[in-house]
Amino acid sequence: DGTAREIDLTYRDQDTAEVTYSSDWQNNRQKAEVKVLKKEKDSDRVLEGAVFALCNKEDIVNANGDVILKADTVIEEQATDKEGKLTFTADLPIGYTYYVKETSPAPGFATTDQVQEFTFEYDGADKETRSYEFTFEDEPTVVEITKTSLTDGKELEGAKLEVTDEDGKVVDSWTSGKEAHIIKELVAGKKYTLTETKPADGYVTAESITFTVENSSKAQKIEMKDDVTKVQISKTDISGKELPGAKLTILDKDGKVVESWTSEEKAHYIEMLPIGEYTLREETAPDGYLVAEDVKFTVKDTGEIQKVVMKDEAKPTETPTETPTETPSETPETTETPSSTISTDAPKTGDDTQVMFWILLAGLGIIGFGTSAVYLRKKRKK
């Protein structure tokens, strides 16, 4: 300490045998000023909120050699301000080695493994402080999200996706394309949820994925896979047996044809019908069957096989019309009369059953009339 001080040793009085002077002379130790600047790597952008610790590299001992601070103890911890800066204020003992390390990254960035150290030594009597300045550069976190097909593993275009934080706030939303989607500066250590709000046409909505952002600048890959819709269409008879030969068509809700085929002896299988309402129509029925009415069905948001059945009724069997036959009247009972044979030389040109009946009946009438006349004549003579 180069400051001069006056000492007063003048006479006091006759009763003061010894004049003394007392004063505290303090040698102020030189102090270390440790400053940190935090910025984004390869950029002039400064980062707020990164936390750094000041630690001693070796044991610190007192004059008696007792350890008063073990090595690697956190002496002080601070966070960078809006200008990306901080200054440690701890009064460090001279003659020891210290280091600065990042204990928590700025939001959206990964913690650097960089450690910067210094040895605090006396630097001349004319300096109250000795300054140490360090710059740390951080890289942002990177999350790479792929939306792929469960069938072939390729990138799937047209799905609508979003990522929400722990509070349900949407932090990013997009429509999947041919390349993976990149999200930077998600907070390390925080949980996020990837949700599919609308699947691509022909696919099923995938279950949401919750993930925790890793404290690393390396790309963290998240993959969401979509399954396809599956529809099985059966054309059967009333008994449930598959019926081949029917020409069938599927129409969407706008009446547009989406698929046509001819039924076989097994069910028809279709994949990747977009979720929605459809109509199954029979254009032509197999021989011997009636055309069935349209069947309305809905492709649901599920990867399970959805079954649709259309049944055909057989055509009614055509039976020939029967001509009623005439039953001849019963011949009235008559008394026995001499038989009389009636014949005709006319050629037979057709069915003469009824003609012969009437001829026979007329003959019998004549015989009966004659017999009656003879009987009356004999009675009169008597």
Protein backbone atom coordinates (compact mmCIF):
# COMPACT_ATOMS: atom_id res chain seq x y z
CA ASP A 1 0.00 0.00 0.00
CA GLY A 2 1.79 3.18 -1.12
CA THR A 3 -0.37 5.58 0.87
CA ALA A 4 1.51 7.77 3.43
CA ARG A 5 -0.01 8.14 6.90
CA GLU A 6 0.81 10.58 9.70
CA ILE A 7 1.55 9.32 13.19
CA ASP A 8 0.83 11.64 16.11
CA LEU A 9 3.29 11.06 18.99
CA THR A 10 3.13 14.54 20.60
CA TYR A 11 3.11 15.16 24.37
CA ARG A 12 -0.21 14.56 26.03
CA ASP A 13 0.13 15.61 29.67
CA GLN A 14 2.30 15.01 32.72
CA ASP A 15 0.21 12.05 33.75
CA THR A 16 0.72 10.20 30.43
CA ALA A 17 3.93 8.26 30.75
CA GLU A 18 3.76 6.65 27.27
CA VAL A 19 2.25 8.05 24.12
CA THR A 20 1.03 5.41 21.66
CA TYR A 21 -0.55 5.46 18.25
CA SER A 22 -2.73 2.63 16.83
CA SER A 23 -3.95 2.25 13.25
CA ASP A 24 -5.12 -0.60 10.97
CA TRP A 25 -3.03 -0.86 7.87
CA GLN A 26 -4.66 -3.27 5.38
CA ASN A 27 -3.00 -4.62 2.28
CA ASN A 28 -5.95 -5.06 -0.13
CA ARG A 29 -5.47 -8.20 -2.18
CA GLN A 30 -5.60 -7.97 -5.96
CA LYS A 31 -8.95 -9.26 -7.17
CA ALA A 32 -9.87 -11.31 -10.25
CA GLU A 33 -12.57 -10.09 -12.63
CA VAL A 34 -13.94 -13.02 -14.67
CA LYS A 35 -16.26 -12.20 -17.58
CA VAL A 36 -18.18 -14.51 -19.98
CA LEU A 37 -19.79 -13.80 -23.35
CA LYS A 38 -22.25 -16.36 -24.73
CA LYS A 39 -23.15 -16.42 -28.45
CA GLU A 40 -24.41 -18.71 -31.16
CA LYS A 41 -21.77 -20.61 -33.06
CA ASP A 42 -20.75 -19.04 -36.37
CA SER A 43 -23.02 -16.08 -35.65
CA ASP A 44 -23.00 -12.71 -33.90
CA ARG A 45 -26.23 -13.57 -32.13
CA VAL A 46 -25.81 -13.36 -28.35
CA LEU A 47 -27.68 -15.76 -26.09
CA GLU A 48 -29.53 -14.98 -22.89
CA GLY A 49 -30.18 -17.44 -20.10
CA ALA A 50 -27.10 -19.67 -20.31
CA VAL A 51 -25.84 -20.59 -16.85
CA PHE A 52 -22.11 -20.80 -16.06
CA ALA A 53 -20.19 -21.92 -12.98
CA LEU A 54 -16.84 -20.69 -11.63
CA CYS A 55 -14.92 -23.52 -9.96
CA ASN A 56 -11.50 -24.12 -8.38
CA LYS A 57 -9.37 -26.73 -10.12
CA GLU A 58 -7.35 -27.63 -7.01
CA ASP A 59 -7.77 -27.61 -3.24
CA ILE A 60 -7.52 -24.18 -1.62
CA VAL A 61 -5.71 -24.13 1.74
CA ASN A 62 -5.16 -21.56 4.48
CA ALA A 63 -1.88 -20.39 6.05
CA ASN A 64 -1.80 -23.49 8.21
CA GLY A 65 -2.23 -25.80 5.22
CA ASP A 66 -5.81 -26.75 6.06
CA VAL A 67 -8.10 -27.38 3.06
CA ILE A 68 -10.78 -24.74 3.13
CA LEU A 69 -12.22 -25.45 -0.33
CA LYS A 70 -11.99 -28.79 -2.06
CA ALA A 71 -11.16 -29.03 -5.76
CA ASP A 72 -14.02 -28.72 -8.30
CA THR A 73 -16.27 -26.84 -5.93
CA VAL A 74 -18.73 -24.42 -7.56
CA ILE A 75 -17.67 -21.09 -6.12
CA GLU A 76 -20.24 -19.00 -8.00
CA GLU A 77 -22.94 -19.53 -10.62
CA GLN A 78 -24.59 -16.93 -12.88
CA ALA A 79 -26.75 -16.66 -16.01
CA THR A 80 -26.06 -14.49 -19.05
CA ASP A 81 -28.16 -11.35 -19.51
CA LYS A 82 -29.86 -10.00 -22.64
CA GLU A 83 -26.47 -9.02 -24.00
CA GLY A 84 -25.21 -12.55 -23.49
CA LYS A 85 -22.82 -11.42 -20.74
CA LEU A 86 -22.09 -12.15 -17.09
CA THR A 87 -19.38 -11.18 -14.57
CA PHE A 88 -18.41 -13.27 -11.54
CA THR A 89 -17.99 -11.27 -8.32
CA ALA A 90 -16.38 -13.83 -6.01
CA ASP A 91 -13.15 -12.76 -4.21
CA LEU A 92 -10.70 -15.43 -5.33
CA PRO A 93 -7.50 -16.29 -3.46
CA ILE A 94 -4.35 -15.56 -5.45
CA GLY A 95 -2.11 -18.36 -6.63
CA TYR A 96 -4.68 -20.96 -7.65
CA THR A 97 -6.07 -22.30 -10.94
CA TYR A 98 -9.75 -21.87 -11.68
CA TYR A 99 -12.09 -22.78 -14.58
CA VAL A 100 -15.40 -21.74 -16.10
CA LYS A 101 -17.92 -24.23 -17.48
CA GLU A 102 -21.50 -24.10 -18.76
CA THR A 103 -23.97 -25.89 -16.49
CA SER A 104 -27.19 -25.09 -18.36
CA PRO A 105 -27.59 -23.96 -21.98
CA ALA A 106 -29.58 -21.06 -23.28
CA PRO A 107 -33.13 -22.15 -24.17
CA GLY A 108 -33.10 -23.94 -27.51
CA PHE A 109 -29.39 -24.67 -27.43
CA ALA A 110 -27.20 -27.57 -26.37
CA THR A 111 -24.68 -27.34 -23.55
CA THR A 112 -21.11 -27.05 -24.75
CA ASP A 113 -18.49 -29.39 -23.32
CA GLN A 114 -15.94 -26.60 -23.47
CA VAL A 115 -14.12 -25.72 -20.23
CA GLN A 116 -11.90 -22.63 -20.02
CA GLU A 117 -9.42 -22.27 -17.15
CA PHE A 118 -7.01 -19.65 -15.83
CA THR A 119 -4.43 -19.23 -13.06
CA PHE A 120 -4.91 -16.18 -10.88
CA GLU A 121 -1.49 -14.67 -10.11
CA TYR A 122 -0.34 -11.30 -8.77
CA ASP A 123 -0.01 -8.77 -11.60
CA GLY A 124 1.77 -5.74 -10.17
CA ALA A 125 1.09 -3.32 -7.34
CA ASP A 126 -0.63 -0.75 -9.53
CA LYS A 127 -3.59 -2.98 -10.47
CA GLU A 128 -6.51 -3.58 -8.16
CA THR A 129 -8.02 -6.23 -10.43
CA ARG A 130 -6.87 -8.70 -13.01
CA SER A 131 -9.38 -9.41 -15.79
CA TYR A 132 -10.13 -12.70 -17.54
CA GLU A 133 -12.60 -12.82 -20.43
CA PHE A 134 -14.02 -15.93 -22.10
CA THR A 135 -16.35 -16.48 -25.05
CA PHE A 136 -18.48 -19.60 -25.35
CA GLU A 137 -20.31 -20.60 -28.54
CA ASP A 138 -23.32 -22.91 -28.49
CA GLU A 139 -25.19 -24.75 -31.24
CA PRO A 140 -28.98 -25.10 -31.32
CA THR A 141 -30.79 -28.36 -30.69
CA VAL A 142 -31.97 -30.09 -33.87
CA VAL A 143 -34.95 -32.44 -34.14
CA GLU A 144 -35.47 -34.25 -37.44
CA ILE A 145 -39.00 -35.59 -37.91
CA THR A 146 -39.82 -38.12 -40.61
CA LYS A 147 -43.31 -39.23 -41.64
CA THR A 148 -43.07 -42.60 -43.38
CA SER A 149 -45.30 -45.33 -44.75
CA LEU A 150 -45.50 -48.52 -42.70
CA THR A 151 -45.56 -50.56 -45.90
CA ASP A 152 -42.36 -49.39 -47.60
CA GLY A 153 -40.65 -46.99 -45.17
CA LYS A 154 -40.57 -44.12 -47.67
CA GLU A 155 -41.30 -40.49 -46.84
CA LEU A 156 -45.03 -39.88 -46.94
CA GLU A 157 -46.34 -36.66 -48.45
CA GLY A 158 -49.56 -34.90 -47.52
CA ALA A 159 -49.91 -35.64 -43.80
CA LYS A 160 -50.65 -32.67 -41.52
CA LEU A 161 -48.51 -32.64 -38.37
CA GLU A 162 -47.85 -30.45 -35.36
CA VAL A 163 -45.56 -30.35 -32.32
CA THR A 164 -46.84 -29.06 -28.98
CA ASP A 165 -44.98 -28.31 -25.75
CA GLU A 166 -45.80 -29.49 -22.22
CA ASP A 167 -48.49 -26.81 -21.92
CA GLY A 168 -50.19 -27.89 -25.16
CA LYS A 169 -48.96 -24.84 -27.07
CA VAL A 170 -48.26 -25.46 -30.75
CA VAL A 171 -44.60 -24.70 -31.45
CA ASP A 172 -44.58 -25.87 -35.08
CA SER A 173 -46.99 -27.26 -37.69
CA TRP A 174 -46.49 -28.39 -41.28
CA THR A 175 -47.53 -30.74 -44.10
CA SER A 176 -45.16 -33.62 -44.73
CA GLY A 177 -43.21 -33.68 -47.96
CA LYS A 178 -40.49 -35.70 -49.66
CA GLU A 179 -37.87 -34.71 -47.08
CA ALA A 180 -37.69 -34.91 -43.28
CA HIS A 181 -38.91 -31.86 -41.37
CA ILE A 182 -36.29 -30.02 -39.25
CA ILE A 183 -37.12 -28.14 -36.03
CA LYS A 184 -34.36 -26.16 -34.29
CA GLU A 185 -34.08 -24.63 -30.83
CA LEU A 186 -36.48 -26.85 -28.91
CA VAL A 187 -35.53 -26.62 -25.24
CA ALA A 188 -33.24 -29.42 -24.10
CA GLY A 189 -34.72 -31.59 -21.36
CA LYS A 190 -38.31 -30.57 -22.15
CA LYS A 191 -41.03 -32.94 -23.37
CA TYR A 192 -42.85 -32.37 -26.64
CA THR A 193 -45.65 -34.21 -28.45
CA LEU A 194 -45.79 -34.97 -32.18
CA THR A 195 -49.41 -35.28 -33.38
CA GLU A 196 -50.86 -36.14 -36.78
CA THR A 197 -53.92 -33.95 -37.27
CA LYS A 198 -54.82 -35.36 -40.71
CA PRO A 199 -53.32 -38.41 -42.44
CA ALA A 200 -52.37 -38.58 -46.10
CA ASP A 201 -55.05 -40.00 -48.41
CA GLY A 202 -55.29 -43.75 -48.06
CA TYR A 203 -53.56 -43.81 -44.68
CA VAL A 204 -54.63 -44.15 -41.06
CA THR A 205 -53.94 -41.52 -38.39
CA ALA A 206 -50.90 -42.56 -36.35
CA GLU A 207 -50.74 -42.43 -32.57
CA SER A 208 -49.10 -39.34 -31.08
CA ILE A 209 -45.43 -39.56 -30.06
CA THR A 210 -44.07 -37.86 -26.93
CA PHE A 211 -40.33 -37.24 -26.88
CA THR A 212 -37.75 -35.42 -24.73
CA VAL A 213 -35.25 -33.14 -26.44
CA GLU A 214 -31.70 -34.32 -25.89
CA ASN A 215 -29.00 -31.93 -24.68
CA SER A 216 -26.99 -32.32 -27.87
CA SER A 217 -26.34 -30.40 -31.06
CA LYS A 218 -26.56 -33.63 -33.07
CA ALA A 219 -29.81 -34.20 -34.94
CA GLN A 220 -32.33 -36.13 -32.87
CA LYS A 221 -34.47 -38.27 -35.17
CA ILE A 222 -38.17 -38.91 -34.53
CA GLU A 223 -40.04 -41.22 -36.92
CA MET A 224 -43.83 -41.50 -37.20
CA LYS A 225 -45.17 -44.35 -39.34
CA ASP A 226 -48.62 -44.50 -40.96
CA ASP A 227 -50.50 -47.69 -41.78
CA VAL A 228 -52.81 -47.93 -44.82
CA THR A 229 -56.58 -48.50 -44.78
CA LYS A 230 -57.69 -52.04 -45.66
CA VAL A 231 -61.12 -52.99 -47.06
CA GLN A 232 -62.34 -56.51 -47.90
CA ILE A 233 -65.44 -56.72 -50.12
CA SER A 234 -67.40 -59.95 -50.45
CA LYS A 235 -70.02 -60.65 -53.14
CA THR A 236 -72.05 -63.63 -51.91
CA ASP A 237 -75.29 -65.47 -52.42
CA ILE A 238 -77.92 -65.62 -49.69
CA SER A 239 -76.08 -68.48 -47.99
CA GLY A 240 -72.87 -66.44 -47.73
CA LYS A 241 -70.89 -68.27 -50.41
CA GLU A 242 -68.61 -66.10 -52.53
CA LEU A 243 -70.25 -65.48 -55.89
CA PRO A 244 -68.04 -64.98 -58.98
CA GLY A 245 -69.01 -63.11 -62.13
CA ALA A 246 -70.60 -59.94 -60.69
CA LYS A 247 -69.35 -56.63 -62.07
CA LEU A 248 -68.88 -54.24 -59.15
CA THR A 249 -67.92 -50.58 -58.75
CA ILE A 250 -67.00 -48.38 -55.78
CA LEU A 251 -68.06 -44.72 -55.89
CA ASP A 252 -66.90 -41.97 -53.56
CA LYS A 253 -69.25 -39.46 -51.92
CA ASP A 254 -69.11 -37.30 -55.07
CA GLY A 255 -70.13 -40.20 -57.31
CA LYS A 256 -66.66 -40.64 -58.80
CA VAL A 257 -65.59 -44.18 -59.64
CA VAL A 258 -62.58 -45.18 -57.53
CA GLU A 259 -62.37 -48.88 -58.41
CA SER A 260 -64.13 -51.51 -60.57
CA TRP A 261 -63.68 -55.27 -60.79
CA THR A 262 -65.41 -58.59 -61.47
CA SER A 263 -66.01 -60.76 -58.43
CA GLU A 264 -64.23 -64.07 -58.03
CA GLU A 265 -64.50 -67.03 -55.71
CA LYS A 266 -62.67 -65.06 -53.03
CA ALA A 267 -63.23 -61.64 -51.43
CA HIS A 268 -61.82 -58.55 -53.15
CA TYR A 269 -59.10 -56.77 -51.11
CA ILE A 270 -58.42 -53.01 -51.41
CA GLU A 271 -55.77 -50.88 -49.69
CA MET A 272 -55.39 -47.11 -49.37
CA LEU A 273 -59.00 -46.02 -49.78
CA PRO A 274 -59.09 -42.54 -48.21
CA ILE A 275 -61.10 -42.32 -45.01
CA GLY A 276 -64.71 -41.38 -45.82
CA GLU A 277 -68.06 -42.55 -47.24
CA TYR A 278 -68.48 -44.80 -50.28
CA THR A 279 -71.10 -46.69 -52.29
CA LEU A 280 -70.69 -50.27 -53.51
CA ARG A 281 -72.72 -50.78 -56.69
CA GLU A 282 -73.44 -53.95 -58.68
CA GLU A 283 -73.43 -53.09 -62.39
CA THR A 284 -74.19 -56.64 -63.61
CA ALA A 285 -75.23 -59.69 -61.60
CA PRO A 286 -73.99 -63.23 -62.34
CA ASP A 287 -76.29 -65.43 -64.46
CA GLY A 288 -79.28 -66.58 -62.51
CA TYR A 289 -79.11 -63.77 -59.92
CA LEU A 290 -80.84 -60.46 -59.38
CA VAL A 291 -78.87 -57.20 -59.23
CA ALA A 292 -78.46 -56.19 -55.56
CA GLU A 293 -79.26 -52.78 -54.15
CA ASP A 294 -76.38 -50.35 -53.51
CA VAL A 295 -74.48 -50.81 -50.25
CA LYS A 296 -73.31 -47.69 -48.40
CA PHE A 297 -70.18 -48.07 -46.27
CA THR A 298 -67.63 -45.90 -44.47
CA VAL A 299 -63.88 -46.40 -44.48
CA LYS A 300 -62.90 -45.77 -40.86
CA ASP A 301 -59.67 -44.40 -39.42
CA THR A 302 -58.20 -47.77 -38.47
CA GLY A 303 -55.53 -50.15 -39.69
CA GLU A 304 -57.81 -53.15 -39.13
CA ILE A 305 -59.39 -54.92 -42.15
CA GLN A 306 -62.89 -53.51 -42.69
CA LYS A 307 -65.35 -55.97 -44.23
CA VAL A 308 -68.21 -55.09 -46.59
CA VAL A 309 -70.69 -57.74 -47.83
CA MET A 310 -73.16 -57.52 -50.74
CA LYS A 311 -75.58 -60.43 -51.23
CA ASP A 312 -77.40 -61.46 -54.43
CA GLU A 313 -80.74 -63.26 -54.56
CA ALA A 314 -81.32 -65.98 -57.14
CA LYS A 315 -83.90 -65.29 -59.85
CA PRO A 316 -87.25 -67.10 -59.34
CA THR A 317 -87.64 -70.39 -61.35
CA GLU A 318 -90.11 -70.04 -64.34
CA THR A 319 -92.81 -72.85 -64.36
CA PRO A 320 -94.94 -73.61 -67.60
CA THR A 321 -98.66 -72.64 -67.50
CA GLU A 322 -100.95 -75.78 -67.20
CA THR A 323 -104.04 -76.02 -69.55
CA PRO A 324 -107.05 -77.23 -67.55
CA THR A 325 -108.59 -80.51 -68.87
CA GLU A 326 -112.38 -80.88 -69.15
CA THR A 327 -113.90 -83.63 -67.11
CA PRO A 328 -116.86 -85.32 -68.96
CA SER A 329 -120.20 -85.28 -67.22
CA GLU A 330 -121.36 -88.50 -65.63
CA THR A 331 -123.59 -90.56 -67.91
CA PRO A 332 -127.11 -90.83 -66.49
CA GLU A 333 -128.25 -94.27 -65.50
CA THR A 334 -130.48 -95.96 -68.08
CA THR A 335 -132.37 -99.18 -68.27
CA GLU A 336 -130.84 -101.94 -70.26
CA THR A 337 -131.67 -101.63 -73.93
CA PRO A 338 -130.66 -103.66 -76.95
CA SER A 339 -127.22 -102.67 -78.02
CA SER A 340 -126.96 -100.71 -81.21
CA THR A 341 -123.73 -100.27 -83.09
CA ILE A 342 -123.07 -96.92 -84.75
CA SER A 343 -120.22 -96.63 -87.13
CA THR A 344 -119.00 -94.03 -89.58
CA ASP A 345 -116.87 -94.28 -92.62
CA ALA A 346 -115.79 -90.66 -92.34
CA PRO A 347 -112.04 -90.32 -92.02
CA LYS A 348 -110.68 -89.48 -88.62
CA THR A 349 -109.12 -86.04 -88.75
CA GLY A 350 -108.71 -85.26 -85.13
CA ASP A 351 -109.81 -85.99 -81.62
CA ASP A 352 -113.45 -87.29 -81.97
CA THR A 353 -113.97 -88.23 -78.36
CA GLN A 354 -116.59 -85.57 -77.73
CA VAL A 355 -118.33 -86.17 -81.10
CA MET A 356 -118.73 -89.90 -80.43
CA PHE A 357 -120.13 -89.07 -77.02
CA TRP A 358 -122.87 -86.95 -78.46
CA ILE A 359 -123.64 -89.49 -81.20
CA LEU A 360 -123.96 -92.25 -78.63
CA LEU A 361 -126.18 -90.08 -76.48
CA ALA A 362 -128.45 -89.27 -79.44
CA GLY A 363 -128.71 -93.00 -80.32
CA LEU A 364 -129.74 -93.89 -76.84
CA GLY A 365 -132.38 -91.19 -76.92
CA ILE A 366 -133.85 -92.52 -80.14
CA ILE A 367 -133.93 -96.10 -78.82
CA GLY A 368 -135.58 -94.92 -75.63
CA PHE A 369 -138.19 -92.99 -77.58
CA GLY A 370 -138.93 -95.98 -79.78
CA THR A 371 -139.29 -98.32 -76.87
CA SER A 372 -141.71 -95.96 -75.20
CA ALA A 373 -143.85 -95.70 -78.35
CA VAL A 374 -144.13 -99.50 -78.71
CA TYR A 375 -145.08 -99.81 -75.08
CA LEU A 376 -147.88 -97.25 -75.37
CA ARG A 377 -149.21 -98.82 -78.53
CA LYS A 378 -149.51 -102.28 -76.90
CA LYS A 379 -151.23 -100.80 -73.90
CA ARG A 380 -153.85 -99.16 -76.04
CA LYS A 381 -154.62 -102.39 -77.80
CA LYS A 382 -155.18 -104.06 -74.47
